[in-house]
Structures are given as C-alpha cells and as structure tokens.
Amino acid sequence: MTPTQLLLAIRARWLTLGSVLLLCVGAGLALVLLLKPQYTVNATVMLDMKTADPIGGAVIPALGISNYMSTQADLIRSSRVVERALKARKADENAEADADWRRDTGGQGSKMAWLAARAQKNLLVTASRESNMISLAFTGGDAQEATDFLQALLDAYIATSIDLRTDAAGRNTTFFEEHLRQLRSSLAQAQEKLSGYQRDAGVLANDERLDVENARLTELSNQLLTLQIAEVDSGSRKQAAKGQIDSTQEALGNPVVGGMTADLARQEARLSELTSRLGEKHPDVQQARANIAALKTRLDDELHRLGNSLGIANSVHATRVAQLRQAYDAQRDKVARLKAMRDQTAVLQRDVENANQAYSDTAARARQASMESQASLSNASVVMAPTLPVKPSRPRPLLTLVLATAVGLLLGLAAAVLRELTDRRLRSEDDVLLLLGQPSLGLLPEQAGPAGRRGLLGFLTPSPVLGTR
C-alpha cells in the first residue's frame, strides 16, 4: 500500500480510527479515575565500612564489601525486620488490615507474616555498587502511613543489626566464661606442679649456679688430665728403672748418686794405678778394693731407694688420679642433675607461661565479647530520612493519557488498515490499474456538495467511487 493509498484509506475509515482512539483515551481516563493514588516514600542509609565492628575495630576487606552490602540489603527486606517495624506500628491491631487478612486467608496462618509479605511486595531495597549507600522505597495508599512505616523500618533495621551482633557476642561471652574457668584451673595446676617440683628438688637450678658447677667440672677435668699425664710419666720412669736405674733421668740428676758415681770412678782409677804399681796382693790394693765394694754397695742402696721413690710417686699419682676421677664423676653427675632439673623446670615454667598466656588472651577476648554484648552501636547512619510525599507516585494522569492517546492512534490506524485490506474499494486511478489490471478510460468529476461538506468534513467524507466512460 502506497502512502497515497494509506491516506485515502485513513480518510475513508476515519470513524474506525476515531472510535478506537476514543476508546483507548476513555480507558486511560477511567484508569486514572478508578485507581487509588499510591505514594512512594524514599530513604537512604549509609554503612561505615571502617567501623563495621565498633568494639573490635575490624575492617571489612575490599573483596567482601559487595557481599556485605548485599547482606545488609537482604536484612532490611527480611521478614524479621519488616515484622518488627509492623509490630512497632501496631499494624496487627488495624481493623482494615485484619479484614483484608481474613478475606484473603480465611483467618488461617499468621497475621503478622501475611502483613509482612504484603509490605515486602511494596518495598524496594537497592544496594549501590559504587558506594556504601542503600536506597529504600516504599509505596502505599496513605502518604503518612507509608512515611511512618518506612521510618519504623529504618529503626527496626538498626535495632535488628545491633541485636544480631549482641546476641552473637552474648553467646561468645558465655563460651569464653566457661573456657576461662577451665583455663584458670589449668593455670593453677601448672603453677602448683612447678612449685612442687622446685620444693621437692630442694634447690633452684638457675643458669648462674649451673655456670658455676660447669666451671668447677671444667677445672676438675683439667686437673685430672694433668695428673693422668704425670701418672703415665711416672709409670714409664718406674718401668725404665726396673731395667737400668743408673741411666734414668732421676739417677743422673740426683746429686748423691752423681757424687757416688764420681767417687767410684776415682776409686777405680786409683785401684788400677795401685794394682799396676804394687800388685794384687798389696795391702793398699786390698784396701782400695774394699773401699770400692763399699761404695758400690752404698750406690746400689741409693739407686734402690731412688727406684722405690719412683714407685711411690707413681702410686701417689695413681691414687690422686683415682680420687680426682671420683670427684670428676661426682661433679659430672651433679651437673647432669642440675641440667635435668633446669630442663624440667623450664618445661614446667613454659607450661605455666602457656597457660597464663592462654588465660590472658581468653580473658581479653571475653572482655571484648562482654562489651560487644552490651554495646548499642551501629555502623548504619540514616543519610536521608523518610519525608511525607506531596504528590502520588501513581497513577500519573498526564502520562497515562499521553500513552492512551499514542496507543489509541496506533490501534486505530491498525484497525483502519485492516478494514481497508479486508474490504478493498477503488479510491484512485492507481487502484484501477492495481486491482483490475485495466487502464482507466476516464474520471467522473466530483459534484460540488453543500457548503457544510467542505473543509474538514469534506476531507473526512469518502470520495465517490471511480467509474469509466
């Protein structure tokens, strides 16, 4: 259909188009008049993320902010908060609400739950993605009632968030107090065990005394080593003296033995001289021999005494080594006992420290939980309080009528075109060629009508049907 044909069809079917348009506009006007005015109240809440926990000072991590905002939005629209707001407004005592509930449910179920579900349908809660704001919108038939309910909802939300935190903190406080009693008992047992061990040991194995005993043990070890060296040396000398004592260091260094040895050498030299000069039988030679024999006897006695002294020195060294070894072993055992006592004391002391630390940490957490259970602080602040709306949010008369007019025009145009397509007539020379497939031979001139048919009425009146000559 060409534009010209469309205009001619609209001109011919103007009654259809006008009827549909009037019907739609009438329906829109009836809707505006019949619908009860609804008022929308808005409010905004800001959540302080830096003080999500006013007592503990915990900060919500950046990745958890969006989840926290969504959780708070869900909490606002939850049945617990809505029912709390309705109870504060005493909505269950309203006669009209009671009649609506009985008519809808037949008096079955919870009236407060039904009222909360109805209120939730008119409540819109939106958490901002780019800020810490939560927007609330509530729509109701009474402006003052809607404003009061939204204010009650904000109060119920803040009170419920505080209750949730304090209830959890109260349960934590009970748990910590029970745990504190157990820790206090464990600390007392650890301290009693440490005191009992120190009392039974009789001494305090501190590091200073252990250092003194270690120094004494080191000194005894050095003395024992020195005596063992001396014992080995005296034993070797004693062993050497058994073979040829006159060649030992003691014999060579002894002045008595040295003097006797020198005298013996002189006497033997004199005896050799006397023998070569006087002969073997001479009395002087005999006397010299007797002197030499006596001197050798004295030298042997001295050497024997010197050998005995070496044995005695070796025995003394062995005795002192045995005594020092005994003292060293006793001191070593003493140091070992002190170390064991110190280690055991350290273990018991650590048990006391651990028990004390656990008790202190739990006591601090219990105090914090007790403060949280009694605190009435919240990180939610009302940025925009509900205000009484001046105009209803719906229906909107102007917008409704504009939409009704637009819809009426579209539907009327569609109806006119549809009627034209189902009941096609010849309205122009183009229609003759298009519908009949024959060229037109001529056009009957339009008869001049009465003056009343000119202008708009003349345009809206259908043109005569085309004919041929």
Protein backbone atom coordinates (compact mmCIF):
# COMPACT_ATOMS: atom_id res chain seq x y z
CA MET A 1 0.00 0.00 0.00
CA THR A 2 1.44 3.35 -1.09
CA PRO A 3 1.37 6.42 1.13
CA THR A 4 -1.36 7.91 -1.01
CA GLN A 5 -3.48 4.80 -0.68
CA LEU A 6 -2.82 4.79 3.09
CA LEU A 7 -4.01 8.38 3.41
CA LEU A 8 -7.09 7.63 1.33
CA ALA A 9 -7.81 4.56 3.49
CA ILE A 10 -7.49 6.64 6.67
CA ARG A 11 -9.77 9.26 5.14
CA ALA A 12 -12.32 6.61 4.32
CA ARG A 13 -12.05 4.77 7.67
CA TRP A 14 -11.81 7.80 9.98
CA LEU A 15 -14.73 6.59 12.04
CA THR A 16 -12.91 3.35 12.88
CA LEU A 17 -9.72 5.19 13.80
CA GLY A 18 -11.61 7.76 15.88
CA SER A 19 -13.63 5.09 17.67
CA VAL A 20 -10.52 3.14 18.70
CA LEU A 21 -8.75 6.35 19.76
CA LEU A 22 -11.70 7.48 21.87
CA LEU A 23 -11.97 4.02 23.39
CA CYS A 24 -8.30 4.00 24.43
CA VAL A 25 -8.38 7.54 25.75
CA GLY A 26 -11.57 6.71 27.68
CA ALA A 27 -9.96 3.60 29.10
CA GLY A 28 -6.91 5.65 30.18
CA LEU A 29 -9.12 8.29 31.76
CA ALA A 30 -11.16 5.62 33.55
CA LEU A 31 -7.92 4.07 34.81
CA VAL A 32 -6.77 7.42 36.17
CA LEU A 33 -10.10 7.98 37.89
CA LEU A 34 -10.57 4.48 39.27
CA LEU A 35 -7.03 3.69 40.51
CA LYS A 36 -6.38 4.63 44.10
CA PRO A 37 -3.47 7.07 44.45
CA GLN A 38 -0.24 5.45 45.59
CA TYR A 39 2.52 7.36 47.40
CA THR A 40 6.22 6.38 47.29
CA VAL A 41 8.47 7.31 50.21
CA ASN A 42 12.27 7.19 49.81
CA ALA A 43 15.12 6.93 52.30
CA THR A 44 18.87 6.33 52.16
CA VAL A 45 21.16 4.55 54.62
CA MET A 46 24.97 4.75 54.65
CA LEU A 47 27.12 1.92 56.05
CA ASP A 48 30.52 2.80 57.52
CA MET A 49 32.85 0.01 56.35
CA LYS A 50 35.75 1.18 58.54
CA THR A 51 33.74 0.60 61.71
CA ALA A 52 31.72 -2.47 60.81
CA ASP A 53 32.72 -3.71 64.29
CA PRO A 54 32.64 -0.63 66.57
CA ILE A 55 34.13 -2.54 69.54
CA GLY A 56 36.75 -4.73 67.89
CA GLY A 57 37.54 -2.22 65.13
CA ALA A 58 37.53 -4.93 62.45
CA VAL A 59 37.63 -3.64 58.89
CA ILE A 60 35.79 -5.41 56.09
CA PRO A 61 38.20 -6.44 53.29
CA ALA A 62 37.72 -4.80 49.92
CA LEU A 63 36.61 -8.04 48.27
CA GLY A 64 33.88 -8.55 50.86
CA ILE A 65 32.29 -5.10 50.67
CA SER A 66 29.85 -6.02 47.89
CA ASN A 67 28.78 -9.16 49.74
CA TYR A 68 28.34 -7.16 52.93
CA MET A 69 26.20 -4.56 51.17
CA SER A 70 24.01 -7.26 49.62
CA THR A 71 23.67 -8.96 53.00
CA GLN A 72 22.53 -5.73 54.65
CA ALA A 73 20.04 -5.10 51.84
CA ASP A 74 18.63 -8.61 52.33
CA LEU A 75 18.44 -7.97 56.07
CA ILE A 76 16.39 -4.79 55.52
CA ARG A 77 13.83 -6.62 53.37
CA SER A 78 13.81 -9.71 55.61
CA SER A 79 10.66 -10.81 57.42
CA ARG A 80 12.29 -10.26 60.82
CA VAL A 81 12.91 -6.56 60.19
CA VAL A 82 9.58 -5.96 58.42
CA GLU A 83 7.61 -7.72 61.16
CA ARG A 84 9.46 -5.73 63.80
CA ALA A 85 8.52 -2.50 62.02
CA LEU A 86 4.89 -3.63 61.73
CA LYS A 87 4.78 -4.50 65.43
CA ALA A 88 6.17 -1.07 66.26
CA ARG A 89 3.36 0.45 64.16
CA LYS A 90 0.82 -1.97 65.74
CA ALA A 91 -0.33 -2.96 62.25
CA ASP A 92 -1.89 -6.18 63.53
CA GLU A 93 -4.40 -4.13 65.54
CA ASN A 94 -5.66 -2.30 62.44
CA ALA A 95 -9.27 -3.29 61.68
CA GLU A 96 -8.92 -2.79 57.93
CA ALA A 97 -5.76 -4.91 57.82
CA ASP A 98 -7.48 -7.59 59.91
CA ALA A 99 -10.40 -7.66 57.47
CA ASP A 100 -8.04 -7.92 54.48
CA TRP A 101 -6.19 -10.79 56.14
CA ARG A 102 -9.38 -12.72 56.94
CA ARG A 103 -10.73 -12.14 53.46
CA ASP A 104 -7.51 -13.33 51.82
CA THR A 105 -6.61 -16.28 54.07
CA GLY A 106 -9.87 -17.12 55.78
CA GLY A 107 -8.25 -16.44 59.15
CA GLN A 108 -5.64 -19.17 58.66
CA GLY A 109 -1.94 -18.71 59.37
CA SER A 110 -0.02 -15.88 60.98
CA LYS A 111 -1.50 -12.44 60.52
CA MET A 112 1.88 -10.75 61.07
CA ALA A 113 3.57 -12.96 58.47
CA TRP A 114 0.81 -12.11 55.97
CA LEU A 115 1.15 -8.39 56.68
CA ALA A 116 4.94 -8.63 56.31
CA ALA A 117 4.63 -10.43 52.96
CA ARG A 118 2.22 -7.74 51.71
CA ALA A 119 4.57 -4.98 52.85
CA GLN A 120 7.55 -6.69 51.23
CA LYS A 121 5.81 -6.56 47.85
CA ASN A 122 5.71 -2.76 48.07
CA LEU A 123 9.26 -2.42 49.43
CA LEU A 124 12.23 -1.87 47.15
CA VAL A 125 15.76 -2.05 48.62
CA THR A 126 18.73 -1.34 46.36
CA ALA A 127 22.39 -1.57 47.39
CA SER A 128 24.70 0.73 45.47
CA ARG A 129 27.62 -0.92 43.67
CA GLU A 130 29.83 2.15 43.70
CA SER A 131 29.24 3.49 47.20
CA ASN A 132 28.22 2.45 50.71
CA MET A 133 24.64 3.64 50.25
CA ILE A 134 21.45 1.58 50.42
CA SER A 135 18.32 3.11 48.93
CA LEU A 136 14.85 2.24 50.26
CA ALA A 137 11.49 2.94 48.60
CA PHE A 138 8.09 2.01 49.99
CA THR A 139 4.79 2.52 48.17
CA GLY A 140 1.47 2.76 49.99
CA GLY A 141 -2.03 4.13 49.61
CA ASP A 142 -1.66 6.57 52.50
CA ALA A 143 1.23 9.03 52.39
CA GLN A 144 1.53 9.47 56.16
CA GLU A 145 1.20 5.73 56.80
CA ALA A 146 3.88 4.93 54.21
CA THR A 147 6.23 7.55 55.71
CA ASP A 148 5.73 6.26 59.25
CA PHE A 149 6.22 2.65 58.17
CA LEU A 150 9.49 3.40 56.34
CA GLN A 151 10.80 5.28 59.40
CA ALA A 152 9.82 2.33 61.58
CA LEU A 153 11.56 0.02 59.11
CA LEU A 154 14.80 2.01 59.41
CA ASP A 155 14.61 1.88 63.20
CA ALA A 156 13.86 -1.85 63.08
CA TYR A 157 16.81 -2.48 60.77
CA ILE A 158 19.30 -0.65 63.01
CA ALA A 159 17.89 -2.34 66.14
CA THR A 160 17.95 -5.78 64.48
CA SER A 161 21.56 -5.36 63.29
CA ILE A 162 22.55 -4.43 66.85
CA ASP A 163 20.59 -7.40 68.25
CA LEU A 164 22.25 -9.82 65.85
CA ARG A 165 25.69 -8.65 66.92
CA THR A 166 24.91 -8.50 70.63
CA ASP A 167 23.19 -11.91 70.60
CA ALA A 168 26.24 -13.49 68.96
CA ALA A 169 28.51 -11.64 71.39
CA GLY A 170 26.40 -12.86 74.31
CA ARG A 171 26.79 -16.47 73.21
CA ASN A 172 30.52 -15.86 72.81
CA THR A 173 30.67 -14.38 76.31
CA THR A 174 29.06 -17.49 77.79
CA PHE A 175 31.50 -19.71 75.93
CA PHE A 176 34.52 -17.64 76.99
CA GLU A 177 33.46 -17.57 80.62
CA GLU A 178 33.18 -21.36 80.68
CA HIS A 179 36.51 -21.67 78.91
CA LEU A 180 38.08 -19.18 81.34
CA ARG A 181 37.16 -21.39 84.28
CA GLN A 182 38.91 -24.32 82.64
CA LEU A 183 41.97 -22.24 81.80
CA ARG A 184 42.12 -20.83 85.32
CA SER A 185 42.12 -24.37 86.69
CA SER A 186 44.83 -25.43 84.22
CA LEU A 187 46.98 -22.43 85.19
CA ALA A 188 46.64 -23.21 88.89
CA GLN A 189 47.58 -26.85 88.28
CA ALA A 190 50.65 -25.85 86.23
CA GLN A 191 51.82 -23.41 88.91
CA GLU A 192 51.27 -25.99 91.65
CA LYS A 193 53.21 -28.58 89.67
CA LEU A 194 56.15 -26.18 89.20
CA SER A 195 56.19 -25.18 92.86
CA GLY A 196 56.01 -28.82 93.96
CA TYR A 197 58.91 -29.82 91.75
CA GLN A 198 61.05 -26.94 93.00
CA ARG A 199 60.15 -27.80 96.56
CA ASP A 200 60.98 -31.49 96.09
CA ALA A 201 64.27 -30.70 94.34
CA GLY A 202 65.33 -28.51 97.24
CA VAL A 203 67.31 -26.10 95.05
CA LEU A 204 66.59 -23.77 92.25
CA ALA A 205 68.51 -24.90 89.18
CA ASN A 206 69.10 -21.49 87.71
CA ASP A 207 71.55 -20.67 84.96
CA GLU A 208 74.00 -18.88 87.32
CA ARG A 209 74.50 -21.89 89.57
CA LEU A 210 74.75 -24.18 86.57
CA ASP A 211 77.53 -21.98 85.18
CA VAL A 212 79.44 -22.25 88.48
CA GLU A 213 79.13 -26.01 88.57
CA ASN A 214 80.18 -26.24 84.92
CA ALA A 215 83.29 -24.17 85.69
CA ARG A 216 84.13 -26.48 88.59
CA LEU A 217 83.65 -29.51 86.35
CA THR A 218 85.99 -27.99 83.77
CA GLU A 219 88.61 -27.31 86.47
CA LEU A 220 88.41 -30.89 87.73
CA SER A 221 88.71 -32.15 84.16
CA ASN A 222 91.89 -30.13 83.63
CA GLN A 223 93.39 -31.36 86.94
CA LEU A 224 92.53 -34.94 86.10
CA LEU A 225 94.17 -34.63 82.72
CA THR A 226 97.34 -33.19 84.29
CA LEU A 227 97.54 -35.98 86.87
CA GLN A 228 96.93 -38.63 84.24
CA ILE A 229 99.85 -37.28 82.24
CA ALA A 230 102.01 -37.28 85.39
CA GLU A 231 100.88 -40.84 86.20
CA VAL A 232 101.80 -42.05 82.74
CA ASP A 233 105.20 -40.31 83.00
CA SER A 234 105.98 -41.72 86.46
CA GLY A 235 104.86 -45.16 85.33
CA SER A 236 107.20 -45.06 82.36
CA ARG A 237 110.07 -43.94 84.60
CA LYS A 238 109.30 -46.68 87.08
CA GLN A 239 109.28 -49.23 84.27
CA ALA A 240 112.58 -47.87 82.97
CA ALA A 241 114.12 -48.04 86.46
CA LYS A 242 113.45 -51.75 86.66
CA GLY A 243 115.92 -52.37 83.83
CA GLN A 244 118.83 -49.94 84.43
CA ILE A 245 118.09 -47.35 87.04
CA ASP A 246 121.52 -45.72 86.95
CA SER A 247 120.83 -44.46 83.43
CA THR A 248 117.49 -42.92 84.26
CA GLN A 249 116.94 -39.19 84.40
CA GLU A 250 116.33 -39.32 88.15
CA ALA A 251 119.61 -41.13 88.79
CA LEU A 252 121.59 -38.86 86.52
CA GLY A 253 120.07 -35.78 88.07
CA ASN A 254 120.43 -36.98 91.68
CA PRO A 255 123.44 -35.24 93.33
CA VAL A 256 124.08 -38.08 95.79
CA VAL A 257 124.13 -40.69 93.07
CA GLY A 258 126.25 -38.39 90.95
CA GLY A 259 128.76 -37.86 93.76
CA MET A 260 128.96 -41.59 94.49
CA THR A 261 129.41 -42.35 90.82
CA ALA A 262 132.24 -39.82 90.59
CA ASP A 263 133.90 -41.22 93.76
CA LEU A 264 133.52 -44.71 92.37
CA ALA A 265 135.21 -43.69 89.15
CA ARG A 266 138.12 -42.10 91.07
CA GLN A 267 138.48 -45.12 93.35
CA GLU A 268 138.53 -47.46 90.39
CA ALA A 269 141.15 -45.33 88.65
CA ARG A 270 143.30 -45.30 91.82
CA LEU A 271 142.83 -49.07 92.19
CA SER A 272 144.02 -49.56 88.64
CA GLU A 273 147.08 -47.41 89.33
CA LEU A 274 147.86 -49.20 92.59
CA THR A 275 147.46 -52.58 91.02
CA SER A 276 149.82 -51.79 88.20
CA ARG A 277 152.33 -50.34 90.57
CA LEU A 278 152.08 -52.51 93.72
CA GLY A 279 150.44 -55.74 92.52
CA GLU A 280 147.33 -57.61 93.57
CA LYS A 281 148.47 -58.66 97.00
CA HIS A 282 149.49 -55.34 98.29
CA PRO A 283 147.51 -54.14 101.30
CA ASP A 284 146.79 -50.76 99.69
CA VAL A 285 145.33 -52.55 96.72
CA GLN A 286 143.18 -54.68 99.02
CA GLN A 287 142.10 -51.62 100.92
CA ALA A 288 141.18 -49.86 97.66
CA ARG A 289 139.13 -52.85 96.59
CA ALA A 290 137.30 -52.86 99.90
CA ASN A 291 136.53 -49.14 99.56
CA ILE A 292 135.24 -49.63 96.03
CA ALA A 293 132.99 -52.53 97.13
CA ALA A 294 131.60 -50.44 99.99
CA LEU A 295 131.00 -47.53 97.65
CA LYS A 296 129.19 -49.76 95.15
CA THR A 297 127.03 -51.11 97.97
CA ARG A 298 126.11 -47.61 99.02
CA LEU A 299 125.46 -46.65 95.38
CA ASP A 300 123.22 -49.67 94.90
CA ASP A 301 121.33 -48.82 98.06
CA GLU A 302 120.87 -45.26 96.87
CA LEU A 303 119.72 -46.43 93.46
CA HIS A 304 117.34 -48.89 95.07
CA ARG A 305 115.95 -46.13 97.26
CA LEU A 306 115.63 -43.95 94.21
CA GLY A 307 113.74 -46.74 92.38
CA ASN A 308 111.45 -47.13 95.38
CA SER A 309 110.77 -43.39 95.36
CA LEU A 310 109.78 -43.63 91.70
CA GLY A 311 107.29 -46.38 92.54
CA ILE A 312 105.91 -44.38 95.44
CA ALA A 313 105.49 -41.31 93.20
CA ASN A 314 103.67 -43.45 90.64
CA SER A 315 101.39 -44.86 93.35
CA VAL A 316 100.69 -41.37 94.65
CA HIS A 317 99.84 -40.23 91.14
CA ALA A 318 97.55 -43.22 90.62
CA THR A 319 95.81 -42.55 93.95
CA ARG A 320 95.31 -38.87 93.16
CA VAL A 321 94.07 -39.75 89.68
CA ALA A 322 91.53 -42.14 91.19
CA GLN A 323 90.43 -39.50 93.68
CA LEU A 324 90.13 -36.82 91.03
CA ARG A 325 88.27 -39.18 88.73
CA GLN A 326 85.84 -39.88 91.55
CA ALA A 327 85.39 -36.16 92.18
CA TYR A 328 85.06 -35.51 88.44
CA ASP A 329 82.38 -38.21 88.08
CA ALA A 330 80.51 -36.85 91.09
CA GLN A 331 80.68 -33.31 89.70
CA ARG A 332 79.60 -34.52 86.26
CA ASP A 333 76.62 -36.31 87.79
CA LYS A 334 75.82 -33.17 89.76
CA VAL A 335 75.94 -31.01 86.64
CA ALA A 336 73.80 -33.55 84.78
CA ARG A 337 71.25 -33.48 87.61
CA LEU A 338 71.26 -29.68 87.58
CA LYS A 339 70.76 -29.67 83.81
CA ALA A 340 67.92 -32.16 84.14
CA MET A 341 66.40 -30.07 86.91
CA ARG A 342 66.81 -26.91 84.83
CA ASP A 343 65.24 -28.56 81.78
CA GLN A 344 62.37 -29.94 83.80
CA THR A 345 61.91 -26.58 85.49
CA ALA A 346 61.97 -24.87 82.07
CA VAL A 347 59.33 -27.30 80.79
CA LEU A 348 57.11 -26.64 83.78
CA GLN A 349 57.76 -22.91 83.51
CA ARG A 350 56.77 -22.97 79.85
CA ASP A 351 53.60 -24.82 80.78
CA VAL A 352 52.84 -22.08 83.30
CA GLU A 353 53.61 -19.35 80.75
CA ASN A 354 51.49 -21.01 78.06
CA ALA A 355 48.62 -21.48 80.48
CA ASN A 356 48.96 -17.88 81.61
CA GLN A 357 49.10 -16.61 78.01
CA ALA A 358 46.04 -18.64 77.04
CA TYR A 359 44.22 -17.37 80.10
CA SER A 360 45.19 -13.75 79.37
CA ASP A 361 44.16 -13.96 75.70
CA THR A 362 40.86 -15.61 76.53
CA ALA A 363 40.19 -13.10 79.29
CA ALA A 364 40.81 -10.21 76.86
CA ARG A 365 38.51 -11.79 74.26
CA ALA A 366 35.90 -12.41 76.96
CA ARG A 367 36.03 -8.75 77.99
CA GLN A 368 35.65 -7.69 74.37
CA ALA A 369 32.73 -10.08 73.85
CA SER A 370 31.11 -8.78 77.04
CA MET A 371 31.44 -5.20 75.78
CA GLU A 372 30.01 -6.20 72.40
CA SER A 373 27.04 -7.91 74.07
CA GLN A 374 26.23 -4.68 75.93
CA ALA A 375 27.02 -2.19 73.15
CA SER A 376 24.27 -0.43 71.25
CA LEU A 377 26.46 0.99 68.49
CA SER A 378 25.76 0.58 64.80
CA ASN A 379 27.70 1.35 61.64
CA ALA A 380 24.49 2.34 59.81
CA SER A 381 23.56 6.01 59.51
CA VAL A 382 20.39 7.45 58.02
CA VAL A 383 21.51 9.87 55.31
CA MET A 384 18.03 10.73 54.00
CA ALA A 385 15.11 10.24 56.36
CA PRO A 386 11.65 9.46 55.01
CA THR A 387 9.65 12.58 54.19
CA LEU A 388 5.94 12.94 53.51
CA PRO A 389 5.38 12.88 49.73
CA VAL A 390 3.40 15.79 48.27
CA LYS A 391 2.17 14.08 45.11
CA PRO A 392 1.23 10.46 44.45
CA SER A 393 3.71 8.39 42.52
CA ARG A 394 0.93 6.68 40.61
CA PRO A 395 -1.27 6.93 38.72
CA ARG A 396 0.16 9.78 36.59
CA PRO A 397 -2.79 11.35 34.69
CA LEU A 398 -0.80 13.21 32.04
CA LEU A 399 1.49 10.31 31.27
CA THR A 400 -1.43 7.87 31.27
CA LEU A 401 -3.47 9.98 28.84
CA VAL A 402 -0.48 10.53 26.55
CA LEU A 403 0.19 6.81 26.45
CA ALA A 404 -3.50 6.05 25.93
CA THR A 405 -3.60 8.53 23.04
CA ALA A 406 -0.49 7.06 21.45
CA VAL A 407 -1.81 3.51 21.85
CA GLY A 408 -5.22 4.59 20.51
CA LEU A 409 -3.67 6.15 17.42
CA LEU A 410 -1.61 3.04 16.72
CA LEU A 411 -4.51 0.67 17.30
CA GLY A 412 -6.93 2.88 15.32
CA LEU A 413 -4.52 3.09 12.41
CA ALA A 414 -4.06 -0.66 12.52
CA ALA A 415 -7.85 -1.21 12.59
CA ALA A 416 -8.39 1.17 9.66
CA VAL A 417 -5.73 -0.53 7.57
CA LEU A 418 -7.11 -3.95 8.48
CA ARG A 419 -10.64 -2.97 7.43
CA GLU A 420 -9.31 -1.49 4.23
CA LEU A 421 -7.42 -4.69 3.41
CA THR A 422 -10.48 -6.85 4.08
CA ASP A 423 -12.93 -4.56 2.19
CA ARG A 424 -10.92 -3.01 -0.66
CA ARG A 425 -12.51 -0.33 -2.84
CA LEU A 426 -11.41 1.77 -5.79
CA ARG A 427 -10.35 5.14 -4.47
CA SER A 428 -7.85 6.35 -7.14
CA GLU A 429 -6.73 5.70 -10.70
CA ASP A 430 -3.83 3.67 -9.32
CA ASP A 431 -6.30 1.31 -7.62
CA VAL A 432 -7.96 0.59 -11.03
CA LEU A 433 -4.68 -0.46 -12.52
CA LEU A 434 -3.59 -2.33 -9.40
CA LEU A 435 -6.78 -4.22 -8.62
CA LEU A 436 -8.37 -4.67 -12.11
CA GLY A 437 -5.29 -4.74 -14.21
CA GLN A 438 -7.02 -2.40 -16.75
CA PRO A 439 -6.17 1.18 -17.62
CA SER A 440 -8.78 3.76 -16.66
CA LEU A 441 -10.63 5.49 -19.53
CA GLY A 442 -11.72 8.50 -17.56
CA LEU A 443 -12.69 10.02 -14.20
CA LEU A 444 -16.12 11.32 -13.28
CA PRO A 445 -15.82 14.80 -11.87
CA GLU A 446 -16.74 15.28 -8.22
CA GLN A 447 -20.06 17.02 -7.75
CA ALA A 448 -19.96 20.14 -5.70
CA GLY A 449 -21.72 19.44 -2.47
CA PRO A 450 -23.29 21.67 0.07
CA ALA A 451 -21.14 24.21 1.84
CA GLY A 452 -21.26 22.13 5.00
CA ARG A 453 -19.28 19.34 3.32
CA ARG A 454 -16.27 21.46 2.60
CA GLY A 455 -13.31 21.82 4.99
CA LEU A 456 -12.61 19.08 7.50
CA LEU A 457 -15.94 17.33 6.92
CA GLY A 458 -15.34 17.35 3.21
CA PHE A 459 -11.93 15.75 3.77
CA LEU A 460 -13.29 13.10 6.06
CA THR A 461 -16.24 12.26 3.74
CA PRO A 462 -15.28 9.37 1.43
CA SER A 463 -14.82 10.27 -2.23
CA PRO A 464 -17.18 8.83 -4.84
CA VAL A 465 -16.33 5.52 -6.31
CA LEU A 466 -14.41 5.76 -9.52
CA GLY A 467 -16.20 4.90 -12.79
CA THR A 468 -15.44 4.60 -16.51
CA ARG A 469 -16.92 6.23 -19.61
